Amino acid sequence: MYEQSYPNKRFKHTFSFLKKHISKSESILDLGVENPFSKIMIEHGYTVENTKGEDLDENQSNIKNSKADVVTAFEIFEHLLSPYTVLKEIKANKMVASVPLKLWFSSAYRSKTDTWDRHYHEFEDWQFDWLLEKTGWKIIDAKKWTNPTKKIGIRPILRWFTPRYYIVYAERVLK
């Protein structure tokens, strides 16, 4: 997954935001299979369980049956056809979620070799906010950051100024 580059900046921002809102005494259900960031959370003392690789559009049983205090979803919702359904099924009262933002100068990401590694959605911040509101979540805190590259060209220059990632801490207001 990270053969080309390891997302140090994204992981640093994500962990800082998580630490600000979630205590180590709270159990976490991390949507998606075990990954480098779930391992980082565990290394820092968080209790983390991951979903098992099931298609979350079709099967939300691990989400429905989870007793976790918090759900984390780091760059997951853009891969789903229906994040609405998944968000409605979450039983936890707290969530930390991040999504890549839509870049007006770049088309949606699509791996040609891995059918799971494709973005059906690339959100604008207001779209993700609306999705969370419609599914019973209230955003308490949010942050954006850029993802510059060391490449030459117009798009790499724009990446220095255009936010690429959006992360939110939200609490359940409707069941």
N, C-alpha and C. Protein backbone atom coordinates (compact mmCIF):
# COMPACT_ATOMS: atom_id res chain seq x y z
N MET A 1 0.82 -1.20 0.00
CA MET A 1 0.00 0.00 0.00
C MET A 1 0.86 1.27 0.00
N TYR A 2 1.96 1.24 0.77
CA TYR A 2 2.82 2.42 0.85
C TYR A 2 4.18 2.14 0.21
N GLU A 3 4.17 1.42 -0.92
CA GLU A 3 5.41 1.07 -1.59
C GLU A 3 6.13 2.33 -2.09
N GLN A 4 5.38 3.27 -2.62
CA GLN A 4 5.97 4.47 -3.22
C GLN A 4 6.38 5.50 -2.18
N SER A 5 5.50 5.76 -1.20
CA SER A 5 5.81 6.77 -0.19
C SER A 5 5.01 6.50 1.08
N TYR A 6 5.60 6.80 2.22
CA TYR A 6 4.96 6.63 3.51
C TYR A 6 4.40 7.98 3.94
N PRO A 7 3.14 8.05 4.32
CA PRO A 7 2.50 9.35 4.59
C PRO A 7 2.82 9.92 5.98
N ASN A 8 4.09 10.25 6.22
CA ASN A 8 4.52 10.76 7.53
C ASN A 8 3.73 11.99 7.98
N LYS A 9 3.57 12.96 7.09
CA LYS A 9 2.87 14.20 7.46
C LYS A 9 1.41 13.91 7.81
N ARG A 10 0.75 13.11 7.00
CA ARG A 10 -0.66 12.79 7.26
C ARG A 10 -0.80 12.06 8.59
N PHE A 11 0.08 11.09 8.84
CA PHE A 11 0.02 10.34 10.09
C PHE A 11 0.29 11.25 11.29
N LYS A 12 1.23 12.17 11.15
CA LYS A 12 1.55 13.11 12.25
C LYS A 12 0.34 13.98 12.58
N HIS A 13 -0.27 14.56 11.58
CA HIS A 13 -1.46 15.40 11.80
C HIS A 13 -2.61 14.58 12.37
N THR A 14 -2.81 13.39 11.83
CA THR A 14 -3.91 12.53 12.27
C THR A 14 -3.73 12.12 13.72
N PHE A 15 -2.53 11.72 14.10
CA PHE A 15 -2.30 11.29 15.48
C PHE A 15 -2.45 12.45 16.45
N SER A 16 -1.95 13.61 16.09
CA SER A 16 -2.08 14.80 16.95
C SER A 16 -3.56 15.13 17.19
N PHE A 17 -4.36 15.05 16.14
CA PHE A 17 -5.79 15.34 16.25
C PHE A 17 -6.48 14.28 17.10
N LEU A 18 -6.15 13.02 16.88
CA LEU A 18 -6.74 11.93 17.66
C LEU A 18 -6.42 12.11 19.14
N LYS A 19 -5.16 12.36 19.46
CA LYS A 19 -4.71 12.52 20.84
C LYS A 19 -5.41 13.69 21.53
N LYS A 20 -5.73 14.72 20.79
CA LYS A 20 -6.41 15.89 21.33
C LYS A 20 -7.83 15.55 21.82
N HIS A 21 -8.48 14.57 21.16
CA HIS A 21 -9.90 14.32 21.44
C HIS A 21 -10.21 12.97 22.09
N ILE A 22 -9.33 12.00 21.95
CA ILE A 22 -9.64 10.65 22.41
C ILE A 22 -8.62 10.21 23.45
N SER A 23 -9.12 9.76 24.60
CA SER A 23 -8.21 9.29 25.65
C SER A 23 -7.85 7.83 25.41
N LYS A 24 -6.75 7.42 25.98
CA LYS A 24 -6.28 6.04 25.81
C LYS A 24 -7.18 5.04 26.53
N SER A 25 -8.04 5.52 27.42
CA SER A 25 -8.95 4.61 28.13
C SER A 25 -10.17 4.24 27.29
N GLU A 26 -10.36 4.91 26.16
CA GLU A 26 -11.51 4.65 25.29
C GLU A 26 -11.12 3.62 24.22
N SER A 27 -11.95 2.60 24.06
CA SER A 27 -11.69 1.59 23.03
C SER A 27 -12.08 2.13 21.66
N ILE A 28 -11.35 1.67 20.64
CA ILE A 28 -11.53 2.19 19.28
C ILE A 28 -11.85 1.05 18.32
N LEU A 29 -12.86 1.27 17.48
CA LEU A 29 -13.09 0.44 16.30
C LEU A 29 -12.58 1.26 15.12
N ASP A 30 -11.53 0.79 14.47
CA ASP A 30 -10.95 1.47 13.32
C ASP A 30 -11.49 0.81 12.06
N LEU A 31 -12.24 1.57 11.26
CA LEU A 31 -12.81 1.02 10.04
C LEU A 31 -11.70 0.75 9.03
N GLY A 32 -11.71 -0.45 8.48
CA GLY A 32 -10.68 -0.89 7.56
C GLY A 32 -9.82 -1.95 8.22
N VAL A 33 -9.07 -2.65 7.42
CA VAL A 33 -8.19 -3.70 7.94
C VAL A 33 -7.05 -3.07 8.73
N GLU A 34 -6.37 -3.90 9.52
CA GLU A 34 -5.20 -3.41 10.25
C GLU A 34 -4.25 -2.77 9.25
N ASN A 35 -3.69 -1.64 9.63
CA ASN A 35 -2.87 -0.86 8.72
C ASN A 35 -1.76 -0.16 9.51
N PRO A 36 -0.83 0.51 8.85
CA PRO A 36 0.25 1.16 9.59
C PRO A 36 -0.25 2.16 10.64
N PHE A 37 -1.35 2.87 10.36
CA PHE A 37 -1.80 3.84 11.36
C PHE A 37 -2.48 3.17 12.55
N SER A 38 -3.21 2.08 12.34
CA SER A 38 -3.80 1.38 13.50
C SER A 38 -2.68 0.84 14.38
N LYS A 39 -1.58 0.42 13.78
CA LYS A 39 -0.42 -0.04 14.56
C LYS A 39 0.19 1.12 15.35
N ILE A 40 0.23 2.31 14.77
CA ILE A 40 0.73 3.50 15.49
C ILE A 40 -0.15 3.77 16.71
N MET A 41 -1.46 3.69 16.55
CA MET A 41 -2.36 3.92 17.68
C MET A 41 -2.08 2.92 18.79
N ILE A 42 -1.93 1.66 18.43
CA ILE A 42 -1.66 0.60 19.42
C ILE A 42 -0.32 0.85 20.11
N GLU A 43 0.71 1.21 19.35
CA GLU A 43 2.03 1.50 19.92
C GLU A 43 1.98 2.64 20.93
N HIS A 44 1.02 3.56 20.76
CA HIS A 44 0.88 4.69 21.68
C HIS A 44 -0.13 4.42 22.80
N GLY A 45 -0.53 3.17 22.97
CA GLY A 45 -1.34 2.80 24.12
C GLY A 45 -2.84 2.77 23.92
N TYR A 46 -3.31 2.94 22.69
CA TYR A 46 -4.75 2.85 22.42
C TYR A 46 -5.15 1.39 22.22
N THR A 47 -6.38 1.07 22.62
CA THR A 47 -6.95 -0.25 22.38
C THR A 47 -7.73 -0.17 21.08
N VAL A 48 -7.26 -0.89 20.06
CA VAL A 48 -7.82 -0.76 18.71
C VAL A 48 -8.21 -2.12 18.17
N GLU A 49 -9.41 -2.17 17.62
CA GLU A 49 -9.88 -3.33 16.86
C GLU A 49 -10.22 -2.83 15.46
N ASN A 50 -9.86 -3.58 14.45
CA ASN A 50 -10.18 -3.20 13.07
C ASN A 50 -11.30 -4.06 12.53
N THR A 51 -11.99 -3.53 11.52
CA THR A 51 -12.92 -4.38 10.77
C THR A 51 -12.06 -5.39 10.01
N LYS A 52 -12.68 -6.38 9.42
CA LYS A 52 -11.94 -7.55 8.93
C LYS A 52 -11.72 -7.59 7.42
N GLY A 53 -11.97 -6.49 6.73
CA GLY A 53 -11.77 -6.49 5.29
C GLY A 53 -13.06 -6.74 4.51
N GLU A 54 -14.17 -6.86 5.22
CA GLU A 54 -15.45 -7.04 4.54
C GLU A 54 -15.81 -5.78 3.75
N ASP A 55 -16.65 -5.93 2.76
CA ASP A 55 -17.14 -4.80 1.98
C ASP A 55 -18.15 -4.05 2.85
N LEU A 56 -17.77 -2.91 3.38
CA LEU A 56 -18.63 -2.18 4.31
C LEU A 56 -19.89 -1.62 3.65
N ASP A 57 -19.91 -1.51 2.35
CA ASP A 57 -21.15 -1.14 1.66
C ASP A 57 -22.19 -2.24 1.81
N GLU A 58 -21.73 -3.48 1.82
CA GLU A 58 -22.62 -4.64 1.85
C GLU A 58 -22.81 -5.24 3.24
N ASN A 59 -21.83 -5.10 4.11
CA ASN A 59 -21.84 -5.81 5.37
C ASN A 59 -21.34 -4.91 6.49
N GLN A 60 -22.23 -4.47 7.34
CA GLN A 60 -21.87 -3.61 8.47
C GLN A 60 -21.93 -4.36 9.81
N SER A 61 -21.93 -5.69 9.79
CA SER A 61 -22.11 -6.47 11.02
C SER A 61 -21.05 -6.18 12.08
N ASN A 62 -19.79 -6.02 11.68
CA ASN A 62 -18.75 -5.70 12.66
C ASN A 62 -18.96 -4.32 13.27
N ILE A 63 -19.52 -3.41 12.52
CA ILE A 63 -19.82 -2.08 13.04
C ILE A 63 -21.01 -2.15 13.99
N LYS A 64 -22.07 -2.84 13.58
CA LYS A 64 -23.28 -2.98 14.41
C LYS A 64 -22.99 -3.67 15.73
N ASN A 65 -22.11 -4.68 15.71
CA ASN A 65 -21.84 -5.49 16.89
C ASN A 65 -20.72 -4.95 17.77
N SER A 66 -20.07 -3.91 17.35
CA SER A 66 -18.95 -3.36 18.12
C SER A 66 -19.43 -2.68 19.39
N LYS A 67 -18.67 -2.86 20.45
CA LYS A 67 -18.93 -2.20 21.73
C LYS A 67 -17.93 -1.06 21.96
N ALA A 68 -17.18 -0.70 20.93
CA ALA A 68 -16.15 0.33 21.07
C ALA A 68 -16.76 1.68 21.46
N ASP A 69 -15.98 2.46 22.19
CA ASP A 69 -16.40 3.80 22.60
C ASP A 69 -16.28 4.81 21.46
N VAL A 70 -15.33 4.55 20.56
CA VAL A 70 -14.99 5.49 19.50
C VAL A 70 -14.84 4.72 18.19
N VAL A 71 -15.25 5.33 17.10
CA VAL A 71 -14.96 4.79 15.77
C VAL A 71 -14.00 5.75 15.10
N THR A 72 -12.96 5.19 14.48
CA THR A 72 -12.08 5.98 13.65
C THR A 72 -12.23 5.50 12.21
N ALA A 73 -12.15 6.45 11.30
CA ALA A 73 -12.27 6.14 9.87
C ALA A 73 -11.33 7.09 9.13
N PHE A 74 -10.12 6.62 8.91
CA PHE A 74 -9.10 7.45 8.27
C PHE A 74 -8.97 7.06 6.82
N GLU A 75 -9.44 7.94 5.95
CA GLU A 75 -9.44 7.72 4.50
C GLU A 75 -10.13 6.41 4.14
N ILE A 76 -11.36 6.27 4.61
CA ILE A 76 -12.19 5.10 4.32
C ILE A 76 -13.44 5.49 3.54
N PHE A 77 -14.10 6.56 3.95
CA PHE A 77 -15.41 6.90 3.38
C PHE A 77 -15.37 7.21 1.89
N GLU A 78 -14.24 7.68 1.39
CA GLU A 78 -14.15 7.97 -0.05
C GLU A 78 -14.16 6.71 -0.90
N HIS A 79 -13.88 5.57 -0.30
CA HIS A 79 -13.87 4.29 -1.02
C HIS A 79 -15.25 3.64 -1.08
N LEU A 80 -16.18 4.11 -0.27
CA LEU A 80 -17.50 3.50 -0.18
C LEU A 80 -18.48 4.12 -1.16
N LEU A 81 -19.36 3.30 -1.70
CA LEU A 81 -20.43 3.84 -2.53
C LEU A 81 -21.47 4.53 -1.66
N SER A 82 -21.67 3.99 -0.44
CA SER A 82 -22.69 4.55 0.45
C SER A 82 -22.16 4.75 1.87
N PRO A 83 -21.36 5.78 2.10
CA PRO A 83 -20.90 6.05 3.46
C PRO A 83 -22.06 6.38 4.40
N TYR A 84 -23.18 6.85 3.84
CA TYR A 84 -24.37 7.17 4.64
C TYR A 84 -24.79 5.96 5.47
N THR A 85 -24.88 4.80 4.83
CA THR A 85 -25.31 3.57 5.50
C THR A 85 -24.37 3.21 6.64
N VAL A 86 -23.09 3.28 6.39
CA VAL A 86 -22.09 2.94 7.41
C VAL A 86 -22.19 3.90 8.59
N LEU A 87 -22.27 5.19 8.30
CA LEU A 87 -22.36 6.19 9.37
C LEU A 87 -23.60 6.01 10.24
N LYS A 88 -24.71 5.61 9.64
CA LYS A 88 -25.94 5.37 10.40
C LYS A 88 -25.82 4.17 11.33
N GLU A 89 -25.01 3.18 10.97
CA GLU A 89 -24.89 1.94 11.74
C GLU A 89 -23.94 2.03 12.92
N ILE A 90 -23.14 3.07 12.98
CA ILE A 90 -22.16 3.19 14.08
C ILE A 90 -22.89 3.36 15.41
N LYS A 91 -22.52 2.55 16.38
CA LYS A 91 -23.14 2.61 17.72
C LYS A 91 -22.37 3.51 18.68
N ALA A 92 -21.09 3.70 18.46
CA ALA A 92 -20.27 4.55 19.33
C ALA A 92 -20.80 5.97 19.30
N ASN A 93 -20.51 6.71 20.35
CA ASN A 93 -20.96 8.10 20.44
C ASN A 93 -19.91 9.11 20.02
N LYS A 94 -18.70 8.63 19.68
CA LYS A 94 -17.62 9.51 19.25
C LYS A 94 -17.00 8.95 17.98
N MET A 95 -16.54 9.87 17.14
CA MET A 95 -15.89 9.44 15.90
C MET A 95 -14.82 10.45 15.52
N VAL A 96 -13.70 9.92 15.03
CA VAL A 96 -12.67 10.74 14.39
C VAL A 96 -12.54 10.18 12.99
N ALA A 97 -12.75 11.04 12.00
CA ALA A 97 -12.74 10.59 10.61
C ALA A 97 -12.02 11.61 9.74
N SER A 98 -11.29 11.10 8.75
CA SER A 98 -10.64 11.99 7.80
C SER A 98 -10.94 11.51 6.39
N VAL A 99 -10.96 12.47 5.49
CA VAL A 99 -11.20 12.19 4.08
C VAL A 99 -10.26 13.06 3.24
N PRO A 100 -9.88 12.57 2.06
CA PRO A 100 -9.16 13.45 1.15
C PRO A 100 -10.17 14.42 0.53
N LEU A 101 -9.74 15.64 0.38
CA LEU A 101 -10.61 16.65 -0.22
C LEU A 101 -10.49 16.61 -1.74
N LYS A 102 -11.57 16.95 -2.39
CA LYS A 102 -11.58 17.03 -3.84
C LYS A 102 -10.65 18.16 -4.29
N LEU A 103 -9.79 17.83 -5.22
CA LEU A 103 -8.89 18.84 -5.78
C LEU A 103 -9.41 19.24 -7.16
N TRP A 104 -9.70 20.49 -7.34
CA TRP A 104 -10.30 20.96 -8.59
C TRP A 104 -9.37 20.75 -9.78
N PHE A 105 -8.09 20.60 -9.53
CA PHE A 105 -7.12 20.46 -10.61
C PHE A 105 -6.68 19.02 -10.83
N SER A 106 -7.36 18.06 -10.19
CA SER A 106 -6.94 16.67 -10.30
C SER A 106 -8.16 15.76 -10.25
N SER A 107 -8.20 14.75 -11.09
CA SER A 107 -9.33 13.82 -11.07
C SER A 107 -9.24 12.88 -9.87
N ALA A 108 -10.35 12.22 -9.57
CA ALA A 108 -10.41 11.31 -8.42
C ALA A 108 -9.38 10.19 -8.59
N TYR A 109 -8.85 9.74 -7.46
CA TYR A 109 -7.83 8.70 -7.45
C TYR A 109 -8.43 7.35 -7.83
N ARG A 110 -7.70 6.60 -8.68
CA ARG A 110 -8.13 5.25 -9.06
C ARG A 110 -6.92 4.40 -9.39
N SER A 111 -6.71 3.39 -8.55
CA SER A 111 -5.64 2.44 -8.83
C SER A 111 -6.07 1.55 -9.99
N LYS A 112 -5.17 1.31 -10.90
CA LYS A 112 -5.48 0.44 -12.04
C LYS A 112 -5.27 -1.03 -11.70
N THR A 113 -4.59 -1.31 -10.58
CA THR A 113 -4.28 -2.70 -10.23
C THR A 113 -5.05 -3.22 -9.02
N ASP A 114 -5.58 -2.34 -8.17
CA ASP A 114 -6.26 -2.76 -6.95
C ASP A 114 -7.67 -2.17 -6.92
N THR A 115 -8.68 -3.02 -7.10
CA THR A 115 -10.06 -2.52 -7.17
C THR A 115 -10.55 -1.96 -5.83
N TRP A 116 -9.90 -2.29 -4.72
CA TRP A 116 -10.28 -1.71 -3.42
C TRP A 116 -9.69 -0.32 -3.25
N ASP A 117 -8.66 -0.01 -4.01
CA ASP A 117 -7.94 1.25 -3.85
C ASP A 117 -8.40 2.27 -4.89
N ARG A 118 -9.67 2.64 -4.75
CA ARG A 118 -10.27 3.62 -5.65
C ARG A 118 -11.16 4.55 -4.84
N HIS A 119 -11.24 5.79 -5.27
CA HIS A 119 -12.08 6.77 -4.59
C HIS A 119 -13.37 6.97 -5.38
N TYR A 120 -14.47 6.55 -4.78
CA TYR A 120 -15.77 6.84 -5.39
C TYR A 120 -16.16 8.28 -5.09
N HIS A 121 -15.80 8.73 -3.88
CA HIS A 121 -16.07 10.12 -3.47
C HIS A 121 -14.74 10.81 -3.19
N GLU A 122 -14.63 12.04 -3.57
CA GLU A 122 -13.63 12.93 -3.02
C GLU A 122 -14.41 14.16 -2.63
N PHE A 123 -14.52 14.36 -1.34
CA PHE A 123 -15.44 15.34 -0.77
C PHE A 123 -14.90 16.76 -0.80
N GLU A 124 -15.81 17.70 -0.84
CA GLU A 124 -15.52 19.05 -0.40
C GLU A 124 -15.89 19.05 1.07
N ASP A 125 -15.31 19.94 1.87
CA ASP A 125 -15.56 19.90 3.31
C ASP A 125 -17.05 20.02 3.64
N TRP A 126 -17.77 20.88 2.94
CA TRP A 126 -19.19 21.07 3.24
C TRP A 126 -20.00 19.80 2.95
N GLN A 127 -19.57 19.01 1.94
CA GLN A 127 -20.27 17.77 1.63
C GLN A 127 -20.09 16.75 2.75
N PHE A 128 -18.88 16.63 3.26
CA PHE A 128 -18.63 15.69 4.36
C PHE A 128 -19.37 16.15 5.62
N ASP A 129 -19.35 17.45 5.88
CA ASP A 129 -20.10 18.00 7.03
C ASP A 129 -21.58 17.66 6.92
N TRP A 130 -22.13 17.83 5.74
CA TRP A 130 -23.55 17.57 5.51
C TRP A 130 -23.87 16.09 5.70
N LEU A 131 -23.01 15.22 5.17
CA LEU A 131 -23.18 13.78 5.33
C LEU A 131 -23.20 13.41 6.82
N LEU A 132 -22.28 13.96 7.58
CA LEU A 132 -22.25 13.67 9.02
C LEU A 132 -23.51 14.20 9.71
N GLU A 133 -23.92 15.40 9.38
CA GLU A 133 -25.13 15.98 9.97
C GLU A 133 -26.36 15.11 9.65
N LYS A 134 -26.49 14.69 8.40
CA LYS A 134 -27.65 13.88 7.98
C LYS A 134 -27.68 12.51 8.66
N THR A 135 -26.53 12.02 9.11
CA THR A 135 -26.47 10.70 9.73
C THR A 135 -26.41 10.77 11.26
N GLY A 136 -26.66 11.96 11.81
CA GLY A 136 -26.79 12.08 13.26
C GLY A 136 -25.53 12.43 14.02
N TRP A 137 -24.58 13.08 13.36
CA TRP A 137 -23.32 13.46 14.00
C TRP A 137 -23.19 14.97 14.06
N LYS A 138 -22.61 15.46 15.15
CA LYS A 138 -22.31 16.89 15.29
C LYS A 138 -20.80 17.05 15.31
N ILE A 139 -20.28 17.86 14.43
CA ILE A 139 -18.84 18.11 14.36
C ILE A 139 -18.45 19.05 15.49
N ILE A 140 -17.51 18.60 16.31
CA ILE A 140 -17.03 19.39 17.44
C ILE A 140 -15.76 20.14 17.07
N ASP A 141 -14.92 19.51 16.26
CA ASP A 141 -13.66 20.12 15.84
C ASP A 141 -13.31 19.59 14.45
N ALA A 142 -12.59 20.41 13.69
CA ALA A 142 -12.18 20.02 12.34
C ALA A 142 -10.87 20.71 11.99
N LYS A 143 -10.14 20.09 11.09
CA LYS A 143 -8.85 20.64 10.65
C LYS A 143 -8.58 20.19 9.22
N LYS A 144 -7.88 21.03 8.46
CA LYS A 144 -7.45 20.70 7.10
C LYS A 144 -5.94 20.89 7.01
N TRP A 145 -5.32 20.16 6.08
CA TRP A 145 -3.91 20.39 5.80
C TRP A 145 -3.60 20.05 4.35
N THR A 146 -2.47 20.59 3.90
CA THR A 146 -2.03 20.38 2.52
C THR A 146 -1.18 19.11 2.43
N ASN A 147 -0.87 18.72 1.21
CA ASN A 147 -0.01 17.56 0.98
C ASN A 147 0.95 17.88 -0.17
N PRO A 148 1.93 18.76 0.09
CA PRO A 148 2.84 19.13 -0.99
C PRO A 148 3.75 17.99 -1.40
N THR A 149 4.19 18.04 -2.65
CA THR A 149 5.14 17.05 -3.15
C THR A 149 6.40 17.79 -3.61
N LYS A 150 7.43 17.04 -3.87
CA LYS A 150 8.69 17.64 -4.32
C LYS A 150 8.83 17.56 -5.83
N LYS A 151 7.72 17.34 -6.52
CA LYS A 151 7.74 17.26 -7.98
C LYS A 151 7.66 18.65 -8.59
N ILE A 152 7.97 18.74 -9.85
CA ILE A 152 7.93 20.00 -10.59
C ILE A 152 6.64 20.02 -11.42
N GLY A 153 5.98 21.19 -11.48
CA GLY A 153 4.80 21.34 -12.31
C GLY A 153 3.74 22.20 -11.66
N ILE A 154 2.70 22.47 -12.40
CA ILE A 154 1.60 23.31 -11.91
C ILE A 154 0.85 22.63 -10.77
N ARG A 155 0.45 21.37 -10.97
CA ARG A 155 -0.30 20.67 -9.92
C ARG A 155 0.51 20.51 -8.64
N PRO A 156 1.79 20.14 -8.72
CA PRO A 156 2.57 20.09 -7.47
C PRO A 156 2.66 21.44 -6.75
N ILE A 157 2.75 22.52 -7.50
CA ILE A 157 2.77 23.84 -6.87
C ILE A 157 1.44 24.11 -6.18
N LEU A 158 0.32 23.78 -6.84
CA LEU A 158 -1.00 24.00 -6.25
C LEU A 158 -1.20 23.19 -4.97
N ARG A 159 -0.56 22.02 -4.89
CA ARG A 159 -0.67 21.17 -3.68
C ARG A 159 -0.03 21.82 -2.45
N TRP A 160 0.85 22.79 -2.65
CA TRP A 160 1.45 23.49 -1.52
C TRP A 160 0.43 24.42 -0.84
N PHE A 161 -0.60 24.83 -1.57
CA PHE A 161 -1.55 25.82 -1.06
C PHE A 161 -2.97 25.30 -0.89
N THR A 162 -3.29 24.20 -1.55
CA THR A 162 -4.65 23.68 -1.55
C THR A 162 -4.77 22.55 -0.53
N PRO A 163 -5.65 22.70 0.47
CA PRO A 163 -5.80 21.62 1.45
C PRO A 163 -6.20 20.31 0.78
N ARG A 164 -5.58 19.21 1.19
CA ARG A 164 -5.86 17.90 0.63
C ARG A 164 -6.61 17.00 1.60
N TYR A 165 -6.38 17.18 2.90
CA TYR A 165 -7.02 16.31 3.89
C TYR A 165 -7.89 17.12 4.84
N TYR A 166 -8.96 16.48 5.27
CA TYR A 166 -9.93 17.08 6.19
C TYR A 166 -10.22 16.05 7.27
N ILE A 167 -10.05 16.45 8.53
CA ILE A 167 -10.31 15.54 9.65
C ILE A 167 -11.30 16.19 10.61
N VAL A 168 -12.18 15.38 11.16
CA VAL A 168 -13.19 15.88 12.09
C VAL A 168 -13.26 14.99 13.33
N TYR A 169 -13.61 15.63 14.44
CA TYR A 169 -14.02 14.93 15.63
C TYR A 169 -15.50 15.22 15.77
N ALA A 170 -16.32 14.18 15.83
CA ALA A 170 -17.78 14.36 15.88
C ALA A 170 -18.35 13.50 17.00
N GLU A 171 -19.48 13.95 17.52
CA GLU A 171 -20.20 13.20 18.54
C GLU A 171 -21.60 12.92 18.05
N ARG A 172 -22.12 11.77 18.44
CA ARG A 172 -23.46 11.33 18.04
C ARG A 172 -24.51 12.23 18.71
N VAL A 173 -25.44 12.74 17.91
CA VAL A 173 -26.56 13.52 18.47
C VAL A 173 -27.88 12.82 18.25
N LEU A 174 -27.97 11.93 17.26
CA LEU A 174 -29.20 11.18 17.00
C LEU A 174 -28.87 9.70 16.99
N LYS A 175 -29.76 8.89 17.49
CA LYS A 175 -29.58 7.42 17.44
C LYS A 175 -30.52 6.82 16.43
